[in-house]
Every structure is written in structure tokens, then in C-alpha cells.
N, C-alpha and C. Protein backbone atom coordinates (compact mmCIF):
# COMPACT_ATOMS: atom_id res chain seq x y z
N UNK A 1 -7.69 -37.79 -76.95
CA UNK A 1 -6.62 -36.80 -77.08
C UNK A 1 -7.22 -35.40 -76.92
N UNK A 2 -6.49 -34.56 -76.22
CA UNK A 2 -6.99 -33.20 -76.00
C UNK A 2 -6.76 -32.31 -77.21
N UNK A 3 -7.58 -31.28 -77.33
CA UNK A 3 -7.48 -30.34 -78.43
C UNK A 3 -7.88 -28.97 -77.92
N UNK A 4 -6.98 -28.01 -78.04
CA UNK A 4 -7.26 -26.64 -77.60
C UNK A 4 -7.65 -25.81 -78.81
N UNK A 5 -8.53 -24.84 -78.59
CA UNK A 5 -8.98 -23.93 -79.64
C UNK A 5 -8.41 -22.55 -79.34
N UNK A 6 -7.91 -21.90 -80.38
CA UNK A 6 -7.27 -20.60 -80.22
C UNK A 6 -7.76 -19.67 -81.33
N UNK A 7 -8.23 -18.49 -80.94
CA UNK A 7 -8.62 -17.46 -81.91
C UNK A 7 -7.39 -16.60 -82.18
N UNK A 8 -7.11 -16.35 -83.47
CA UNK A 8 -5.93 -15.60 -83.87
C UNK A 8 -6.33 -14.55 -84.90
N UNK A 9 -5.78 -13.35 -84.76
CA UNK A 9 -5.91 -12.31 -85.80
C UNK A 9 -4.55 -12.22 -86.47
N UNK A 10 -4.50 -12.61 -87.73
CA UNK A 10 -3.23 -12.70 -88.46
C UNK A 10 -3.01 -11.46 -89.32
N UNK A 11 -1.81 -10.92 -89.24
CA UNK A 11 -1.40 -9.81 -90.10
C UNK A 11 -0.31 -10.33 -91.04
N UNK A 12 -0.65 -10.60 -92.31
CA UNK A 12 0.38 -11.02 -93.26
C UNK A 12 1.23 -9.83 -93.68
N UNK A 13 2.40 -10.11 -94.23
CA UNK A 13 3.35 -9.06 -94.63
C UNK A 13 3.61 -8.11 -93.46
N UNK A 14 3.76 -8.70 -92.28
CA UNK A 14 3.95 -7.91 -91.06
C UNK A 14 5.39 -7.53 -90.80
N UNK A 15 6.30 -7.85 -91.71
CA UNK A 15 7.70 -7.48 -91.55
C UNK A 15 8.53 -8.52 -90.84
N UNK A 16 7.92 -9.25 -89.92
CA UNK A 16 8.64 -10.30 -89.19
C UNK A 16 7.61 -11.29 -88.66
N UNK A 17 8.06 -12.43 -88.23
CA UNK A 17 7.18 -13.43 -87.64
C UNK A 17 7.20 -13.24 -86.13
N UNK A 18 6.05 -12.89 -85.54
CA UNK A 18 6.02 -12.62 -84.11
C UNK A 18 4.61 -12.74 -83.55
N UNK A 19 4.55 -13.05 -82.26
CA UNK A 19 3.30 -13.03 -81.51
C UNK A 19 3.28 -11.69 -80.78
N UNK A 20 2.23 -10.89 -81.03
CA UNK A 20 2.17 -9.52 -80.51
C UNK A 20 1.27 -9.36 -79.29
N UNK A 21 0.81 -10.46 -78.70
CA UNK A 21 0.01 -10.36 -77.49
C UNK A 21 -1.48 -10.52 -77.75
N UNK A 22 -2.27 -10.21 -76.71
CA UNK A 22 -3.70 -10.44 -76.74
C UNK A 22 -4.48 -9.16 -76.96
N UNK A 23 -5.65 -9.29 -77.56
CA UNK A 23 -6.61 -8.20 -77.73
C UNK A 23 -7.99 -8.84 -77.65
N UNK A 24 -9.03 -8.01 -77.72
CA UNK A 24 -10.40 -8.51 -77.66
C UNK A 24 -11.21 -7.92 -78.79
N UNK A 25 -12.15 -8.70 -79.31
CA UNK A 25 -13.02 -8.20 -80.37
C UNK A 25 -14.13 -7.33 -79.77
N UNK A 26 -15.05 -6.87 -80.59
CA UNK A 26 -16.12 -5.98 -80.14
C UNK A 26 -17.02 -6.63 -79.09
N UNK A 27 -17.10 -7.95 -79.09
CA UNK A 27 -17.92 -8.66 -78.11
C UNK A 27 -17.14 -9.07 -76.87
N UNK A 28 -15.87 -8.67 -76.81
CA UNK A 28 -15.05 -8.98 -75.64
C UNK A 28 -14.36 -10.33 -75.68
N UNK A 29 -14.45 -11.04 -76.80
CA UNK A 29 -13.79 -12.34 -76.92
C UNK A 29 -12.31 -12.13 -77.20
N UNK A 30 -11.42 -12.80 -76.45
CA UNK A 30 -9.99 -12.60 -76.66
C UNK A 30 -9.48 -13.30 -77.91
N UNK A 31 -8.48 -12.69 -78.54
CA UNK A 31 -7.78 -13.33 -79.66
C UNK A 31 -6.31 -12.96 -79.56
N UNK A 32 -5.47 -13.82 -80.12
CA UNK A 32 -4.03 -13.61 -80.12
C UNK A 32 -3.64 -12.88 -81.39
N UNK A 33 -2.87 -11.81 -81.26
CA UNK A 33 -2.41 -11.05 -82.42
C UNK A 33 -1.07 -11.64 -82.88
N UNK A 34 -1.04 -12.04 -84.15
CA UNK A 34 0.16 -12.64 -84.72
C UNK A 34 0.47 -11.97 -86.05
N UNK A 35 1.74 -11.73 -86.31
CA UNK A 35 2.16 -11.20 -87.61
C UNK A 35 3.17 -12.15 -88.24
N UNK A 36 3.10 -12.25 -89.55
CA UNK A 36 4.07 -13.06 -90.30
C UNK A 36 4.56 -12.24 -91.48
N UNK A 37 5.77 -12.53 -91.93
CA UNK A 37 6.33 -11.79 -93.06
C UNK A 37 5.81 -12.30 -94.40
N UNK A 38 5.23 -13.51 -94.41
CA UNK A 38 4.74 -14.11 -95.65
C UNK A 38 3.52 -13.36 -96.18
N UNK A 39 3.36 -13.32 -97.51
CA UNK A 39 2.18 -12.67 -98.10
C UNK A 39 0.96 -13.59 -98.02
N UNK A 40 -0.24 -13.02 -98.11
CA UNK A 40 -1.46 -13.83 -98.06
C UNK A 40 -1.79 -14.43 -99.42
N UNK A 41 -0.86 -15.17 -99.98
CA UNK A 41 -1.01 -15.73 -101.32
C UNK A 41 -0.84 -17.25 -101.24
N UNK A 42 -1.79 -17.98 -101.80
CA UNK A 42 -1.72 -19.45 -101.89
C UNK A 42 -1.41 -20.11 -100.56
N UNK A 43 -1.96 -19.57 -99.48
CA UNK A 43 -1.80 -20.19 -98.16
C UNK A 43 -0.46 -19.97 -97.49
N UNK A 44 0.39 -19.11 -98.06
CA UNK A 44 1.72 -18.89 -97.48
C UNK A 44 1.64 -18.30 -96.07
N UNK A 45 0.76 -17.34 -95.86
CA UNK A 45 0.64 -16.71 -94.53
C UNK A 45 0.11 -17.72 -93.51
N UNK A 46 -0.86 -18.54 -93.91
CA UNK A 46 -1.37 -19.57 -93.00
C UNK A 46 -0.29 -20.58 -92.65
N UNK A 47 0.51 -20.97 -93.62
CA UNK A 47 1.60 -21.92 -93.37
C UNK A 47 2.62 -21.32 -92.40
N UNK A 48 2.93 -20.03 -92.58
CA UNK A 48 3.87 -19.36 -91.68
C UNK A 48 3.28 -19.26 -90.27
N UNK A 49 1.97 -19.00 -90.18
CA UNK A 49 1.30 -18.96 -88.88
C UNK A 49 1.39 -20.30 -88.17
N UNK A 50 1.08 -21.38 -88.88
CA UNK A 50 1.14 -22.72 -88.31
C UNK A 50 2.55 -23.03 -87.84
N UNK A 51 3.56 -22.71 -88.65
CA UNK A 51 4.95 -22.98 -88.29
C UNK A 51 5.36 -22.18 -87.05
N UNK A 52 4.98 -20.92 -87.01
CA UNK A 52 5.34 -20.06 -85.87
C UNK A 52 4.71 -20.57 -84.58
N UNK A 53 3.42 -20.85 -84.61
CA UNK A 53 2.75 -21.31 -83.39
C UNK A 53 3.19 -22.71 -82.98
N UNK A 54 3.45 -23.59 -83.94
CA UNK A 54 3.94 -24.92 -83.60
C UNK A 54 5.27 -24.82 -82.85
N UNK A 55 6.15 -23.96 -83.33
CA UNK A 55 7.44 -23.77 -82.67
C UNK A 55 7.25 -23.16 -81.29
N UNK A 56 6.42 -22.13 -81.19
CA UNK A 56 6.19 -21.43 -79.92
C UNK A 56 5.55 -22.36 -78.88
N UNK A 57 4.66 -23.25 -79.33
CA UNK A 57 3.94 -24.14 -78.43
C UNK A 57 4.62 -25.50 -78.26
N UNK A 58 5.74 -25.70 -78.96
CA UNK A 58 6.51 -26.94 -78.88
C UNK A 58 5.68 -28.16 -79.26
N UNK A 59 4.93 -28.03 -80.37
CA UNK A 59 4.19 -29.15 -80.93
C UNK A 59 4.57 -29.27 -82.41
N UNK A 60 4.20 -30.37 -83.02
CA UNK A 60 4.50 -30.55 -84.44
C UNK A 60 3.58 -29.66 -85.28
N UNK A 61 4.02 -29.35 -86.49
CA UNK A 61 3.18 -28.54 -87.38
C UNK A 61 1.86 -29.23 -87.68
N UNK A 62 1.89 -30.56 -87.76
CA UNK A 62 0.66 -31.29 -88.07
C UNK A 62 -0.35 -31.23 -86.93
N UNK A 63 0.09 -30.83 -85.73
CA UNK A 63 -0.83 -30.71 -84.59
C UNK A 63 -1.60 -29.40 -84.62
N UNK A 64 -1.16 -28.44 -85.45
CA UNK A 64 -1.81 -27.13 -85.53
C UNK A 64 -2.53 -27.04 -86.87
N UNK A 65 -3.84 -26.72 -86.82
CA UNK A 65 -4.57 -26.59 -88.07
C UNK A 65 -5.55 -25.42 -88.00
N UNK A 66 -5.75 -24.80 -89.16
CA UNK A 66 -6.71 -23.71 -89.27
C UNK A 66 -8.09 -24.35 -89.44
N UNK A 67 -8.92 -24.24 -88.39
CA UNK A 67 -10.23 -24.87 -88.40
C UNK A 67 -11.26 -24.02 -89.14
N UNK A 68 -11.11 -22.69 -89.06
CA UNK A 68 -12.00 -21.80 -89.79
C UNK A 68 -11.30 -20.47 -90.01
N UNK A 69 -11.74 -19.76 -91.03
CA UNK A 69 -11.17 -18.45 -91.34
C UNK A 69 -9.91 -18.51 -92.18
N UNK A 70 -9.76 -19.53 -93.01
CA UNK A 70 -8.55 -19.69 -93.80
C UNK A 70 -8.24 -18.48 -94.68
N UNK A 71 -9.28 -17.79 -95.16
CA UNK A 71 -9.04 -16.62 -96.01
C UNK A 71 -9.36 -15.31 -95.29
N UNK A 72 -9.65 -15.37 -94.01
CA UNK A 72 -9.96 -14.17 -93.24
C UNK A 72 -8.80 -13.83 -92.30
N UNK A 73 -8.79 -12.61 -91.79
CA UNK A 73 -7.75 -12.24 -90.83
C UNK A 73 -7.97 -12.93 -89.49
N UNK A 74 -9.23 -13.06 -89.07
CA UNK A 74 -9.54 -13.72 -87.81
C UNK A 74 -9.75 -15.20 -88.07
N UNK A 75 -8.93 -16.01 -87.42
CA UNK A 75 -8.93 -17.45 -87.66
C UNK A 75 -9.18 -18.20 -86.36
N UNK A 76 -9.71 -19.42 -86.50
CA UNK A 76 -9.86 -20.31 -85.37
C UNK A 76 -8.93 -21.49 -85.61
N UNK A 77 -7.98 -21.67 -84.69
CA UNK A 77 -7.03 -22.76 -84.82
C UNK A 77 -7.36 -23.85 -83.80
N UNK A 78 -7.08 -25.08 -84.18
CA UNK A 78 -7.18 -26.21 -83.26
C UNK A 78 -5.78 -26.78 -83.10
N UNK A 79 -5.39 -27.01 -81.84
CA UNK A 79 -4.06 -27.52 -81.55
C UNK A 79 -4.21 -28.83 -80.80
N UNK A 80 -3.80 -29.92 -81.44
CA UNK A 80 -3.88 -31.25 -80.84
C UNK A 80 -2.81 -31.40 -79.77
N UNK A 81 -3.17 -32.12 -78.70
CA UNK A 81 -2.20 -32.45 -77.67
C UNK A 81 -2.05 -31.40 -76.59
N UNK A 82 -2.78 -30.29 -76.69
CA UNK A 82 -2.72 -29.25 -75.67
C UNK A 82 -4.11 -28.99 -75.11
N UNK A 83 -4.16 -28.56 -73.86
CA UNK A 83 -5.41 -28.17 -73.23
C UNK A 83 -5.48 -26.64 -73.21
N UNK A 84 -6.65 -26.06 -72.94
CA UNK A 84 -6.72 -24.60 -72.79
C UNK A 84 -5.77 -24.08 -71.71
N UNK A 85 -5.57 -24.87 -70.66
CA UNK A 85 -4.65 -24.47 -69.59
C UNK A 85 -3.21 -24.42 -70.11
N UNK A 86 -2.85 -25.36 -70.99
CA UNK A 86 -1.52 -25.34 -71.60
C UNK A 86 -1.32 -24.06 -72.41
N UNK A 87 -2.35 -23.65 -73.16
CA UNK A 87 -2.26 -22.41 -73.95
C UNK A 87 -2.06 -21.21 -73.03
N UNK A 88 -2.81 -21.16 -71.93
CA UNK A 88 -2.64 -20.05 -70.97
C UNK A 88 -1.21 -20.00 -70.46
N UNK A 89 -0.64 -21.15 -70.16
CA UNK A 89 0.71 -21.21 -69.61
C UNK A 89 1.75 -20.81 -70.66
N UNK A 90 1.56 -21.25 -71.90
CA UNK A 90 2.55 -21.01 -72.95
C UNK A 90 2.44 -19.64 -73.59
N UNK A 91 1.24 -19.08 -73.65
CA UNK A 91 1.02 -17.81 -74.33
C UNK A 91 0.63 -16.67 -73.40
N UNK A 92 0.45 -16.97 -72.13
CA UNK A 92 -0.02 -15.95 -71.20
C UNK A 92 -1.53 -15.89 -71.24
N UNK A 93 -2.10 -15.36 -70.20
CA UNK A 93 -3.57 -15.27 -70.13
C UNK A 93 -4.06 -14.08 -70.94
N UNK A 94 -5.19 -14.24 -71.64
CA UNK A 94 -5.77 -13.09 -72.33
C UNK A 94 -6.20 -12.02 -71.33
N UNK A 95 -6.11 -10.78 -71.74
CA UNK A 95 -6.45 -9.66 -70.84
C UNK A 95 -7.93 -9.62 -70.54
């Protein structure tokens, strides 16, 4: 089974749940900017992130998991059932 990896910078208490596009870190690695209205308390923001991306990518919530960075703003997600090419098609290419 395929598994795509996605770097995300999450902004909790962002006012609304939305994908704000792509940016790059200091080393030039692309990440997806995402905001959620949920607070960063007891995993609520991570749960909102998983729900938002699962809906946007048309996969089940159980297919999306936070692989690293659970308590950090920059997270690494693994999405089962999608390839990196699927992510490019569904989210647009990173700049």
C-alpha cells in the first residue's frame, strides 16, 4: 500500500479551518500552511488538522496520521493510500 508524506505548519486558533497554500522553510523544504479554529489543547488542533486534510484529500481520517511533531507547529503527516503525485494533484505543487 502506498503512503505519502506531507510536511505541514499548523496554526491553531486560526479563526477557521483552511489550507493556506505552500511555503518553504529556511532550508528550502516545502510545507503546507494549514490553520484550524481548534485550540492546541489535548490534541484538539491535531484532530482538526487530520479531519480537514482527510476531507480535502478524500481519504478516511484513519488514513491520515501525525508521524512526528505532535506538539510542534511543524508536523510530518503520513497519508495511507496516496502517492506523492496524488498530493501534488490534490493540493497543488509546492512553489
